[in-house]
PDB file of N, CA and C in Angstrom:
ATOM      1  N   MET A   1      -8.561  40.409  11.345  1.00  0.00           N
ATOM      2  CA  MET A   1      -8.873  39.242  12.048  1.00  0.00           C
ATOM      3  C   MET A   1      -9.394  38.090  11.336  1.00  0.00           C
ATOM      4  N   LYS A   2     -10.046  38.328   9.890  1.00  0.00           N
ATOM      5  CA  LYS A   2     -10.298  37.245   9.200  1.00  0.00           C
ATOM      6  C   LYS A   2      -8.975  36.530   8.626  1.00  0.00           C
ATOM      7  N   ALA A   3      -8.039  37.220   8.303  1.00  0.00           N
ATOM      8  CA  ALA A   3      -6.745  36.850   7.873  1.00  0.00           C
ATOM      9  C   ALA A   3      -6.130  35.796   8.679  1.00  0.00           C
ATOM     10  N   LYS A   4      -6.182  36.050   9.977  1.00  0.00           N
ATOM     11  CA  LYS A   4      -5.544  35.877  11.079  1.00  0.00           C
ATOM     12  C   LYS A   4      -6.302  34.371  11.361  1.00  0.00           C
ATOM     13  N   LEU A   5      -7.472  34.260  11.310  1.00  0.00           N
ATOM     14  CA  LEU A   5      -8.573  32.996  11.526  1.00  0.00           C
ATOM     15  C   LEU A   5      -8.130  32.227  10.207  1.00  0.00           C
ATOM     16  N   THR A   6      -8.005  32.807   9.081  1.00  0.00           N
ATOM     17  CA  THR A   6      -7.791  31.870   8.171  1.00  0.00           C
ATOM     18  C   THR A   6      -6.411  31.266   7.941  1.00  0.00           C
ATOM     19  N   SER A   7      -5.077  31.954   8.384  1.00  0.00           N
ATOM     20  CA  SER A   7      -3.930  31.721   8.296  1.00  0.00           C
ATOM     21  C   SER A   7      -4.003  30.579   9.525  1.00  0.00           C
ATOM     22  N   SER A   8      -4.784  30.356  10.493  1.00  0.00           N
ATOM     23  CA  SER A   8      -4.497  29.685  11.738  1.00  0.00           C
ATOM     24  C   SER A   8      -5.278  28.423  11.107  1.00  0.00           C
ATOM     25  N   LEU A   9      -6.320  28.595  10.517  1.00  0.00           N
ATOM     26  CA  LEU A   9      -6.944  27.330   9.988  1.00  0.00           C
ATOM     27  C   LEU A   9      -6.148  26.856   9.063  1.00  0.00           C
ATOM     28  N   ILE A  10      -5.169  27.350   8.053  1.00  0.00           N
ATOM     29  CA  ILE A  10      -4.437  26.653   7.196  1.00  0.00           C
ATOM     30  C   ILE A  10      -3.374  25.806   7.831  1.00  0.00           C
ATOM     31  N   VAL A  11      -2.577  26.522   8.762  1.00  0.00           N
ATOM     32  CA  VAL A  11      -1.769  25.838   9.915  1.00  0.00           C
ATOM     33  C   VAL A  11      -2.552  24.391  10.059  1.00  0.00           C
ATOM     34  N   VAL A  12      -3.413  24.552  11.094  1.00  0.00           N
ATOM     35  CA  VAL A  12      -3.926  23.366  11.623  1.00  0.00           C
ATOM     36  C   VAL A  12      -4.171  22.256  10.355  1.00  0.00           C
ATOM     37  N   ILE A  13      -4.618  22.522   9.216  1.00  0.00           N
ATOM     38  CA  ILE A  13      -4.722  21.900   8.304  1.00  0.00           C
ATOM     39  C   ILE A  13      -3.691  20.955   7.615  1.00  0.00           C
ATOM     40  N   VAL A  14      -2.497  22.019   7.485  1.00  0.00           N
ATOM     41  CA  VAL A  14      -1.340  21.188   7.025  1.00  0.00           C
ATOM     42  C   VAL A  14      -0.997  20.425   8.129  1.00  0.00           C
ATOM     43  N   LEU A  15      -0.946  20.842   9.745  1.00  0.00           N
ATOM     44  CA  LEU A  15      -0.176  19.643  10.592  1.00  0.00           C
ATOM     45  C   LEU A  15      -1.228  18.327  10.491  1.00  0.00           C
ATOM     46  N   LEU A  16      -2.350  18.703  10.334  1.00  0.00           N
ATOM     47  CA  LEU A  16      -3.509  17.338  10.162  1.00  0.00           C
ATOM     48  C   LEU A  16      -3.098  16.274   9.455  1.00  0.00           C
ATOM     49  N   VAL A  17      -2.772  17.041   7.935  1.00  0.00           N
ATOM     50  CA  VAL A  17      -2.664  16.360   7.108  1.00  0.00           C
ATOM     51  C   VAL A  17      -1.053  15.631   7.257  1.00  0.00           C
ATOM     52  N   THR A  18       0.010  16.239   7.608  1.00  0.00           N
ATOM     53  CA  THR A  18       1.417  15.840   7.885  1.00  0.00           C
ATOM     54  C   THR A  18       1.175  14.915   8.957  1.00  0.00           C
ATOM     55  N   ALA A  19       0.664  14.980  10.088  1.00  0.00           N
ATOM     56  CA  ALA A  19       0.369  13.700  10.848  1.00  0.00           C
ATOM     57  C   ALA A  19      -0.412  12.709  10.678  1.00  0.00           C
ATOM     58  N   CYS A  20      -1.144  12.706   9.594  1.00  0.00           N
ATOM     59  CA  CYS A  20      -2.068  11.655   9.203  1.00  0.00           C
ATOM     60  C   CYS A  20      -0.960  10.776   7.927  1.00  0.00           C
ATOM     61  N   SER A  21      -0.017  11.476   7.018  1.00  0.00           N
ATOM     62  CA  SER A  21       0.602  10.943   6.224  1.00  0.00           C
ATOM     63  C   SER A  21       1.827  10.174   6.951  1.00  0.00           C
ATOM     64  N   LYS A  22       2.428  10.660   8.085  1.00  0.00           N
ATOM     65  CA  LYS A  22       3.544   9.924   8.972  1.00  0.00           C
ATOM     66  C   LYS A  22       2.657   8.553   9.498  1.00  0.00           C
ATOM     67  N   GLU A  23       1.616   8.698   9.925  1.00  0.00           N
ATOM     68  CA  GLU A  23       0.651   7.709  10.811  1.00  0.00           C
ATOM     69  C   GLU A  23       0.739   6.491   9.469  1.00  0.00           C
ATOM     70  N   THR A  24       0.392   6.702   8.363  1.00  0.00           N
ATOM     71  CA  THR A  24       0.044   5.787   7.278  1.00  0.00           C
ATOM     72  C   THR A  24       1.526   5.200   7.350  1.00  0.00           C
ATOM     73  N   ASP A  25       2.399   6.127   6.798  1.00  0.00           N
ATOM     74  CA  ASP A  25       3.784   5.424   6.777  1.00  0.00           C
ATOM     75  C   ASP A  25       4.464   4.429   7.709  1.00  0.00           C
ATOM     76  N   ASN A  26       4.102   4.775   8.963  1.00  0.00           N
ATOM     77  CA  ASN A  26       4.921   3.974  10.127  1.00  0.00           C
ATOM     78  C   ASN A  26       3.848   2.761  10.127  1.00  0.00           C
ATOM     79  N   GLN A  27       2.555   3.049   9.823  1.00  0.00           N
ATOM     80  CA  GLN A  27       1.813   1.762  10.255  1.00  0.00           C
ATOM     81  C   GLN A  27       2.156   0.748   9.066  1.00  0.00           C
ATOM     82  N   VAL A  28       2.117   1.114   7.888  1.00  0.00           N
ATOM     83  CA  VAL A  28       2.634   0.088   6.630  1.00  0.00           C
ATOM     84  C   VAL A  28       4.220  -0.581   7.387  1.00  0.00           C
ATOM     85  N   LYS A  29       5.002   0.217   7.628  1.00  0.00           N
ATOM     86  CA  LYS A  29       6.515  -0.412   7.996  1.00  0.00           C
ATOM     87  C   LYS A  29       6.529  -1.020   9.396  1.00  0.00           C
ATOM     88  N   SER A  30       5.718  -0.906  10.349  1.00  0.00           N
ATOM     89  CA  SER A  30       5.644  -1.457  11.431  1.00  0.00           C
ATOM     90  C   SER A  30       4.912  -3.012  11.528  1.00  0.00           C
ATOM     91  N   GLU A  31       4.014  -2.685  10.518  1.00  0.00           N
ATOM     92  CA  GLU A  31       3.087  -4.035  10.373  1.00  0.00           C
ATOM     93  C   GLU A  31       3.769  -5.312   9.167  1.00  0.00           C
ATOM     94  N   THR A  32       4.951  -4.808   8.702  1.00  0.00           N
ATOM     95  CA  THR A  32       5.423  -5.575   7.558  1.00  0.00           C
ATOM     96  C   THR A  32       6.725  -5.773   7.567  1.00  0.00           C
ATOM     97  N   MET A  33       7.805  -5.505   8.318  1.00  0.00           N
ATOM     98  CA  MET A  33       9.340  -5.463   8.316  1.00  0.00           C
ATOM     99  C   MET A  33       9.339  -6.691   9.267  1.00  0.00           C
ATOM    100  N   ASN A  34       9.985  -7.719   8.650  1.00  0.00           N
ATOM    101  CA  ASN A  34      10.163  -8.997   9.461  1.00  0.00           C
ATOM    102  C   ASN A  34      11.565  -9.231   8.591  1.00  0.00           C
ATOM    103  N   GLY A  35      12.084  -8.576   7.866  1.00  0.00           N
ATOM    104  CA  GLY A  35      13.568  -8.892   7.232  1.00  0.00           C
ATOM    105  C   GLY A  35      13.668  -8.060   6.107  1.00  0.00           C
ATOM    106  N   PRO A  36      14.695  -8.255   5.329  1.00  0.00           N
ATOM    107  CA  PRO A  36      14.971  -7.523   3.811  1.00  0.00           C
ATOM    108  C   PRO A  36      13.979  -7.739   2.906  1.00  0.00           C
ATOM    109  N   ALA A  37      13.802  -9.098   2.951  1.00  0.00           N
ATOM    110  CA  ALA A  37      12.584  -9.396   1.725  1.00  0.00           C
ATOM    111  C   ALA A  37      11.391  -8.429   1.986  1.00  0.00           C
ATOM    112  N   ASP A  38      10.764  -8.781   3.284  1.00  0.00           N
ATOM    113  CA  ASP A  38       9.533  -8.048   3.771  1.00  0.00           C
ATOM    114  C   ASP A  38       9.747  -6.584   3.633  1.00  0.00           C
ATOM    115  N   ALA A  39      10.800  -5.800   4.121  1.00  0.00           N
ATOM    116  CA  ALA A  39      11.153  -4.479   4.058  1.00  0.00           C
ATOM    117  C   ALA A  39      11.078  -4.220   2.546  1.00  0.00           C
ATOM    118  N   ASN A  40      11.460  -4.999   1.378  1.00  0.00           N
ATOM    119  CA  ASN A  40      11.330  -4.535   0.079  1.00  0.00           C
ATOM    120  C   ASN A  40      10.021  -4.562  -0.689  1.00  0.00           C
ATOM    121  N   ALA A  41       9.259  -5.584  -0.112  1.00  0.00           N
ATOM    122  CA  ALA A  41       7.923  -5.649  -0.215  1.00  0.00           C
ATOM    123  C   ALA A  41       7.220  -4.850  -0.009  1.00  0.00           C
ATOM    124  N   ALA A  42       7.114  -4.535   1.316  1.00  0.00           N
ATOM    125  CA  ALA A  42       6.713  -3.109   2.066  1.00  0.00           C
ATOM    126  C   ALA A  42       6.648  -2.206   1.404  1.00  0.00           C
ATOM    127  N   ALA A  43       7.823  -1.722   0.722  1.00  0.00           N
ATOM    128  CA  ALA A  43       8.039  -0.516   0.140  1.00  0.00           C
ATOM    129  C   ALA A  43       7.408  -0.539  -1.061  1.00  0.00           C
ATOM    130  N   LEU A  44       7.523  -1.721  -1.803  1.00  0.00           N
ATOM    131  CA  LEU A  44       6.761  -1.755  -3.179  1.00  0.00           C
ATOM    132  C   LEU A  44       5.251  -1.701  -3.186  1.00  0.00           C
ATOM    133  N   TYR A  45       4.712  -1.850  -1.707  1.00  0.00           N
ATOM    134  CA  TYR A  45       3.486  -1.985  -1.713  1.00  0.00           C
ATOM    135  C   TYR A  45       3.221  -0.613  -1.516  1.00  0.00           C
ATOM    136  N   LYS A  46       4.091   0.208  -0.511  1.00  0.00           N
ATOM    137  CA  LYS A  46       3.896   1.567  -0.069  1.00  0.00           C
ATOM    138  C   LYS A  46       3.875   2.484  -1.527  1.00  0.00           C
ATOM    139  N   LYS A  47       4.811   2.270  -2.301  1.00  0.00           N
ATOM    140  CA  LYS A  47       4.828   2.801  -3.592  1.00  0.00           C
ATOM    141  C   LYS A  47       3.743   2.620  -4.602  1.00  0.00           C
ATOM    142  N   GLN A  48       3.415   1.281  -4.969  1.00  0.00           N
ATOM    143  CA  GLN A  48       2.264   1.110  -5.889  1.00  0.00           C
ATOM    144  C   GLN A  48       1.275   0.636  -5.428  1.00  0.00           C
ATOM    145  N   CYS A  49       0.549   0.475  -4.304  1.00  0.00           N
ATOM    146  CA  CYS A  49      -0.424  -0.274  -4.239  1.00  0.00           C
ATOM    147  C   CYS A  49      -1.225   0.481  -3.148  1.00  0.00           C
ATOM    148  N   ILE A  50      -0.928   1.402  -2.074  1.00  0.00           N
ATOM    149  CA  ILE A  50      -1.276   1.723  -0.861  1.00  0.00           C
ATOM    150  C   ILE A  50      -2.400   2.944  -1.466  1.00  0.00           C
ATOM    151  N   SER A  51      -2.219   3.347  -2.333  1.00  0.00           N
ATOM    152  CA  SER A  51      -3.260   4.449  -3.054  1.00  0.00           C
ATOM    153  C   SER A  51      -4.779   4.024  -3.094  1.00  0.00           C
ATOM    154  N   CYS A  52      -4.639   2.836  -3.723  1.00  0.00           N
ATOM    155  CA  CYS A  52      -5.889   1.945  -4.018  1.00  0.00           C
ATOM    156  C   CYS A  52      -6.301   1.065  -2.497  1.00  0.00           C
ATOM    157  N   HIS A  53      -5.253   0.226  -2.041  1.00  0.00           N
ATOM    158  CA  HIS A  53      -5.644  -0.840  -1.074  1.00  0.00           C
ATOM    159  C   HIS A  53      -5.404  -0.458   0.333  1.00  0.00           C
ATOM    160  N   ALA A  54      -4.926   0.774   0.506  1.00  0.00           N
ATOM    161  CA  ALA A  54      -4.795   1.482   1.865  1.00  0.00           C
ATOM    162  C   ALA A  54      -3.573   0.820   2.678  1.00  0.00           C
ATOM    163  N   ALA A  55      -2.822   1.497   3.838  1.00  0.00           N
ATOM    164  CA  ALA A  55      -2.174   1.108   4.249  1.00  0.00           C
ATOM    165  C   ALA A  55      -2.290  -0.181   5.328  1.00  0.00           C
ATOM    166  N   ASP A  56      -3.481  -0.412   5.796  1.00  0.00           N
ATOM    167  CA  ASP A  56      -3.546  -1.676   6.309  1.00  0.00           C
ATOM    168  C   ASP A  56      -4.398  -2.604   5.662  1.00  0.00           C
ATOM    169  N   LEU A  57      -4.207  -2.329   4.216  1.00  0.00           N
ATOM    170  CA  LEU A  57      -4.665  -3.517   3.207  1.00  0.00           C
ATOM    171  C   LEU A  57      -6.257  -3.622   3.178  1.00  0.00           C
ATOM    172  N   SER A  58      -6.642  -2.714   3.980  1.00  0.00           N
ATOM    173  CA  SER A  58      -8.043  -2.930   4.191  1.00  0.00           C
ATOM    174  C   SER A  58      -8.858  -2.389   2.764  1.00  0.00           C
ATOM    175  N   GLY A  59      -8.610  -1.729   1.678  1.00  0.00           N
ATOM    176  CA  GLY A  59      -8.761  -1.642   0.663  1.00  0.00           C
ATOM    177  C   GLY A  59      -9.605  -0.047   0.690  1.00  0.00           C
ATOM    178  N   LYS A  60      -9.664   0.495  -0.346  1.00  0.00           N
ATOM    179  CA  LYS A  60      -9.814   1.930  -0.648  1.00  0.00           C
ATOM    180  C   LYS A  60     -10.884   1.636  -1.967  1.00  0.00           C
ATOM    181  N   VAL A  61     -10.253   1.856  -3.196  1.00  0.00           N
ATOM    182  CA  VAL A  61     -10.582   1.849  -4.788  1.00  0.00           C
ATOM    183  C   VAL A  61     -10.532   0.496  -4.864  1.00  0.00           C
ATOM    184  N   GLY A  62      -9.370  -0.042  -4.644  1.00  0.00           N
ATOM    185  CA  GLY A  62      -9.325  -1.283  -4.671  1.00  0.00           C
ATOM    186  C   GLY A  62      -9.908  -2.288  -3.520  1.00  0.00           C
ATOM    187  N   PRO A  63      -9.861  -3.701  -3.729  1.00  0.00           N
ATOM    188  CA  PRO A  63     -10.263  -4.673  -2.678  1.00  0.00           C
ATOM    189  C   PRO A  63      -9.833  -4.685  -1.476  1.00  0.00           C
ATOM    190  N   ASP A  64     -10.113  -5.140  -0.453  1.00  0.00           N
ATOM    191  CA  ASP A  64      -9.368  -5.456   0.830  1.00  0.00           C
ATOM    192  C   ASP A  64      -8.482  -6.451   0.512  1.00  0.00           C
ATOM    193  N   LEU A  65      -7.282  -6.178   1.075  1.00  0.00           N
ATOM    194  CA  LEU A  65      -6.402  -7.466   0.831  1.00  0.00           C
ATOM    195  C   LEU A  65      -5.986  -7.983   2.118  1.00  0.00           C
ATOM    196  N   ARG A  66      -6.401  -7.780   3.248  1.00  0.00           N
ATOM    197  CA  ARG A  66      -6.359  -8.486   4.276  1.00  0.00           C
ATOM    198  C   ARG A  66      -6.917  -9.928   4.083  1.00  0.00           C
ATOM    199  N   GLY A  67      -6.107 -10.872   4.364  1.00  0.00           N
ATOM    200  CA  GLY A  67      -6.608 -12.404   4.313  1.00  0.00           C
ATOM    201  C   GLY A  67      -6.417 -12.589   2.821  1.00  0.00           C
ATOM    202  N   ILE A  68      -5.722 -12.042   2.244  1.00  0.00           N
ATOM    203  CA  ILE A  68      -5.825 -12.297   0.826  1.00  0.00           C
ATOM    204  C   ILE A  68      -5.080 -13.878   0.402  1.00  0.00           C
ATOM    205  N   GLY A  69      -3.794 -14.103   1.576  1.00  0.00           N
ATOM    206  CA  GLY A  69      -3.217 -15.247   1.198  1.00  0.00           C
ATOM    207  C   GLY A  69      -3.863 -16.545   1.143  1.00  0.00           C
ATOM    208  N   ALA A  70      -5.149 -16.184   1.983  1.00  0.00           N
ATOM    209  CA  ALA A  70      -6.222 -17.628   2.322  1.00  0.00           C
ATOM    210  C   ALA A  70      -6.852 -17.929   1.406  1.00  0.00           C
ATOM    211  N   THR A  71      -7.091 -17.024   0.572  1.00  0.00           N
ATOM    212  CA  THR A  71      -8.051 -17.280  -0.575  1.00  0.00           C
ATOM    213  C   THR A  71      -7.016 -16.911  -2.231  1.00  0.00           C
ATOM    214  N   ARG A  72      -6.092 -16.728  -2.066  1.00  0.00           N
ATOM    215  CA  ARG A  72      -5.388 -16.506  -3.346  1.00  0.00           C
ATOM    216  C   ARG A  72      -3.895 -17.446  -3.168  1.00  0.00           C
ATOM    217  N   THR A  73      -3.450 -18.235  -4.209  1.00  0.00           N
ATOM    218  CA  THR A  73      -2.078 -18.518  -4.020  1.00  0.00           C
ATOM    219  C   THR A  73      -1.163 -17.511  -4.362  1.00  0.00           C
ATOM    220  N   GLU A  74      -0.004 -17.955  -4.229  1.00  0.00           N
ATOM    221  CA  GLU A  74       1.414 -16.955  -4.829  1.00  0.00           C
ATOM    222  C   GLU A  74       1.371 -16.748  -6.244  1.00  0.00           C
ATOM    223  N   GLU A  75       1.022 -17.784  -6.630  1.00  0.00           N
ATOM    224  CA  GLU A  75       1.097 -17.883  -8.258  1.00  0.00           C
ATOM    225  C   GLU A  75       0.037 -16.793  -8.823  1.00  0.00           C
ATOM    226  N   GLU A  76      -1.393 -16.691  -8.246  1.00  0.00           N
ATOM    227  CA  GLU A  76      -2.125 -16.309  -8.552  1.00  0.00           C
ATOM    228  C   GLU A  76      -2.188 -14.707  -8.181  1.00  0.00           C
ATOM    229  N   LEU A  77      -1.325 -14.350  -7.174  1.00  0.00           N
ATOM    230  CA  LEU A  77      -1.279 -13.151  -7.014  1.00  0.00           C
ATOM    231  C   LEU A  77      -0.263 -12.512  -7.993  1.00  0.00           C
ATOM    232  N   VAL A  78       0.826 -13.248  -8.241  1.00  0.00           N
ATOM    233  CA  VAL A  78       2.060 -12.818  -9.510  1.00  0.00           C
ATOM    234  C   VAL A  78       0.913 -12.528 -10.641  1.00  0.00           C
ATOM    235  N   GLU A  79      -0.008 -13.523 -10.961  1.00  0.00           N
ATOM    236  CA  GLU A  79      -0.512 -13.240 -12.347  1.00  0.00           C
ATOM    237  C   GLU A  79      -1.560 -12.152 -11.880  1.00  0.00           C
ATOM    238  N   ILE A  80      -2.057 -11.781 -11.084  1.00  0.00           N
ATOM    239  CA  ILE A  80      -2.730 -10.606 -11.055  1.00  0.00           C
ATOM    240  C   ILE A  80      -2.116  -9.597 -10.810  1.00  0.00           C
ATOM    241  N   ILE A  81      -1.083  -9.475 -10.008  1.00  0.00           N
ATOM    242  CA  ILE A  81      -0.085  -8.129 -10.261  1.00  0.00           C
ATOM    243  C   ILE A  81       0.426  -8.290 -11.519  1.00  0.00           C
ATOM    244  N   GLN A  82       0.711  -8.899 -12.402  1.00  0.00           N
ATOM    245  CA  GLN A  82       1.392  -8.697 -13.482  1.00  0.00           C
ATOM    246  C   GLN A  82       0.458  -8.463 -14.538  1.00  0.00           C
ATOM    247  N   ASP A  83      -0.557  -8.959 -14.842  1.00  0.00           N
ATOM    248  CA  ASP A  83      -1.540  -8.752 -15.663  1.00  0.00           C
ATOM    249  C   ASP A  83      -2.505  -7.816 -15.640  1.00  0.00           C
ATOM    250  N   GLY A  84      -3.015  -7.346 -14.344  1.00  0.00           N
ATOM    251  CA  GLY A  84      -3.919  -6.541 -13.759  1.00  0.00           C
ATOM    252  C   GLY A  84      -5.353  -7.499 -13.869  1.00  0.00           C
ATOM    253  N   SER A  85      -6.599  -6.892 -13.254  1.00  0.00           N
ATOM    254  CA  SER A  85      -7.419  -7.616 -12.917  1.00  0.00           C
ATOM    255  C   SER A  85      -8.761  -6.753 -12.480  1.00  0.00           C
ATOM    256  N   LYS A  86      -9.857  -6.589 -12.932  1.00  0.00           N
ATOM    257  CA  LYS A  86     -11.141  -6.076 -12.573  1.00  0.00           C
ATOM    258  C   LYS A  86     -10.757  -4.807 -12.281  1.00  0.00           C
ATOM    259  N   GLY A  87     -10.198  -4.363 -13.310  1.00  0.00           N
ATOM    260  CA  GLY A  87     -10.133  -2.604 -12.955  1.00  0.00           C
ATOM    261  C   GLY A  87      -8.651  -2.088 -12.376  1.00  0.00           C
ATOM    262  N   MET A  88      -7.999  -3.094 -12.058  1.00  0.00           N
ATOM    263  CA  MET A  88      -6.484  -3.117 -11.679  1.00  0.00           C
ATOM    264  C   MET A  88      -5.518  -3.240 -12.805  1.00  0.00           C
ATOM    265  N   PRO A  89      -4.395  -2.059 -12.928  1.00  0.00           N
ATOM    266  CA  PRO A  89      -3.766  -2.002 -13.980  1.00  0.00           C
ATOM    267  C   PRO A  89      -2.859  -3.140 -13.976  1.00  0.00           C
ATOM    268  N   ALA A  90      -2.263  -3.311 -15.262  1.00  0.00           N
ATOM    269  CA  ALA A  90      -1.404  -4.187 -14.963  1.00  0.00           C
ATOM    270  C   ALA A  90       0.119  -3.873 -14.734  1.00  0.00           C
ATOM    271  N   PHE A  91       1.008  -4.298 -14.024  1.00  0.00           N
ATOM    272  CA  PHE A  91       2.138  -3.811 -13.259  1.00  0.00           C
ATOM    273  C   PHE A  91       3.506  -4.291 -14.130  1.00  0.00           C
ATOM    274  N   GLN A  92       2.839  -4.965 -15.224  1.00  0.00           N
ATOM    275  CA  GLN A  92       4.438  -5.933 -15.636  1.00  0.00           C
ATOM    276  C   GLN A  92       5.244  -4.937 -16.926  1.00  0.00           C
ATOM    277  N   LYS A  93       5.030  -3.908 -16.999  1.00  0.00           N
ATOM    278  CA  LYS A  93       5.886  -2.852 -17.474  1.00  0.00           C
ATOM    279  C   LYS A  93       6.381  -1.867 -16.703  1.00  0.00           C
ATOM    280  N   ILE A  94       5.794  -1.810 -15.102  1.00  0.00           N
ATOM    281  CA  ILE A  94       6.154  -0.837 -14.407  1.00  0.00           C
ATOM    282  C   ILE A  94       7.298  -1.540 -13.224  1.00  0.00           C
ATOM    283  N   LEU A  95       6.889  -2.990 -12.909  1.00  0.00           N
ATOM    284  CA  LEU A  95       7.686  -3.393 -11.867  1.00  0.00           C
ATOM    285  C   LEU A  95       8.645  -4.722 -12.442  1.00  0.00           C
ATOM    286  N   SER A  96       9.329  -4.857 -11.828  1.00  0.00           N
ATOM    287  CA  SER A  96      10.383  -6.200 -12.442  1.00  0.00           C
ATOM    288  C   SER A  96       9.574  -7.415 -11.942  1.00  0.00           C
ATOM    289  N   VAL A  97      10.059  -8.595 -12.856  1.00  0.00           N
ATOM    290  CA  VAL A  97       9.471 -10.131 -12.460  1.00  0.00           C
ATOM    291  C   VAL A  97      10.203 -10.134 -10.954  1.00  0.00           C
ATOM    292  N   GLU A  98      11.169  -9.964 -10.235  1.00  0.00           N
ATOM    293  CA  GLU A  98      11.686 -10.195  -9.133  1.00  0.00           C
ATOM    294  C   GLU A  98      10.563  -9.160  -7.962  1.00  0.00           C
ATOM    295  N   GLU A  99      10.424  -7.945  -8.413  1.00  0.00           N
ATOM    296  CA  GLU A  99       9.545  -7.152  -7.564  1.00  0.00           C
ATOM    297  C   GLU A  99       8.121  -7.776  -7.389  1.00  0.00           C
ATOM    298  N   ILE A 100       7.655  -8.129  -8.633  1.00  0.00           N
ATOM    299  CA  ILE A 100       6.251  -8.799  -8.835  1.00  0.00           C
ATOM    300  C   ILE A 100       6.024 -10.013  -7.896  1.00  0.00           C
ATOM    301  N   GLU A 101       7.002 -10.757  -8.003  1.00  0.00           N
ATOM    302  CA  GLU A 101       7.551 -12.133  -6.941  1.00  0.00           C
ATOM    303  C   GLU A 101       7.652 -11.767  -5.512  1.00  0.00           C
ATOM    304  N   ALA A 102       8.380 -10.745  -5.408  1.00  0.00           N
ATOM    305  CA  ALA A 102       8.465 -10.447  -3.855  1.00  0.00           C
ATOM    306  C   ALA A 102       7.023  -9.923  -3.158  1.00  0.00           C
ATOM    307  N   LEU A 103       6.306  -8.734  -4.067  1.00  0.00           N
ATOM    308  CA  LEU A 103       4.949  -8.477  -3.430  1.00  0.00           C
ATOM    309  C   LEU A 103       4.253  -9.265  -3.185  1.00  0.00           C
ATOM    310  N   ALA A 104       4.002 -10.398  -4.288  1.00  0.00           N
ATOM    311  CA  ALA A 104       3.292 -11.447  -4.153  1.00  0.00           C
ATOM    312  C   ALA A 104       3.453 -12.548  -3.129  1.00  0.00           C
ATOM    313  N   GLN A 105       4.762 -12.697  -2.683  1.00  0.00           N
ATOM    314  CA  GLN A 105       5.150 -13.655  -1.816  1.00  0.00           C
ATOM    315  C   GLN A 105       4.637 -12.944  -0.335  1.00  0.00           C
ATOM    316  N   TRP A 106       4.602 -11.639  -0.338  1.00  0.00           N
ATOM    317  CA  TRP A 106       4.362 -10.690   0.767  1.00  0.00           C
ATOM    318  C   TRP A 106       3.065 -11.008   1.342  1.00  0.00           C
ATOM    319  N   LEU A 107       2.274 -10.774  -0.138  1.00  0.00           N
ATOM    320  CA  LEU A 107       0.999 -10.848   0.113  1.00  0.00           C
ATOM    321  C   LEU A 107       0.303 -12.249   0.349  1.00  0.00           C
ATOM    322  N   SER A 108       1.088 -13.202   0.097  1.00  0.00           N
ATOM    323  CA  SER A 108       0.502 -14.328   0.209  1.00  0.00           C
ATOM    324  C   SER A 108       0.591 -14.792   1.627  1.00  0.00           C
ATOM    325  N   THR A 109       1.416 -14.354   2.288  1.00  0.00           N
ATOM    326  CA  THR A 109       1.811 -14.718   4.047  1.00  0.00           C
ATOM    327  C   THR A 109       0.311 -13.987   4.540  1.00  0.00           C
ATOM    328  N   ASN A 110      -0.301 -13.105   4.196  1.00  0.00           N
ATOM    329  CA  ASN A 110      -1.498 -12.061   4.709  1.00  0.00           C
ATOM    330  C   ASN A 110      -2.750 -13.365   4.682  1.00  0.00           C
ATOM    331  N   LYS A 111      -2.917 -14.279   5.922  1.00  0.00           N
ATOM    332  CA  LYS A 111      -3.868 -15.131   5.900  1.00  0.00           C
ATOM    333  C   LYS A 111      -4.738 -14.680   6.842  1.00  0.00           C
TER     334      LYS A 111
END
């Protein structure tokens, strides 16, 4: 009986985790895909930024990025992504110049 309950609990937990992961993936995709450049930037965000800034840009460990385009220029965002800032690591050795620029441009449209 105890083993059956434990097995059932494990199945429920796995299903919940899987469902949450799919929702996060779909949320980033549906909110950001307006063309090839946006799709590329969204993929970069998902791969490099989502763990600290959340799928909806609301922030987790890192700050909230919703509306970041209203407070930072694209050039400032390039510099922050490239060199890091206040606990954020630098991505200049991880991302290409083109990837950094695409991500900064995409973020700058979030006003």
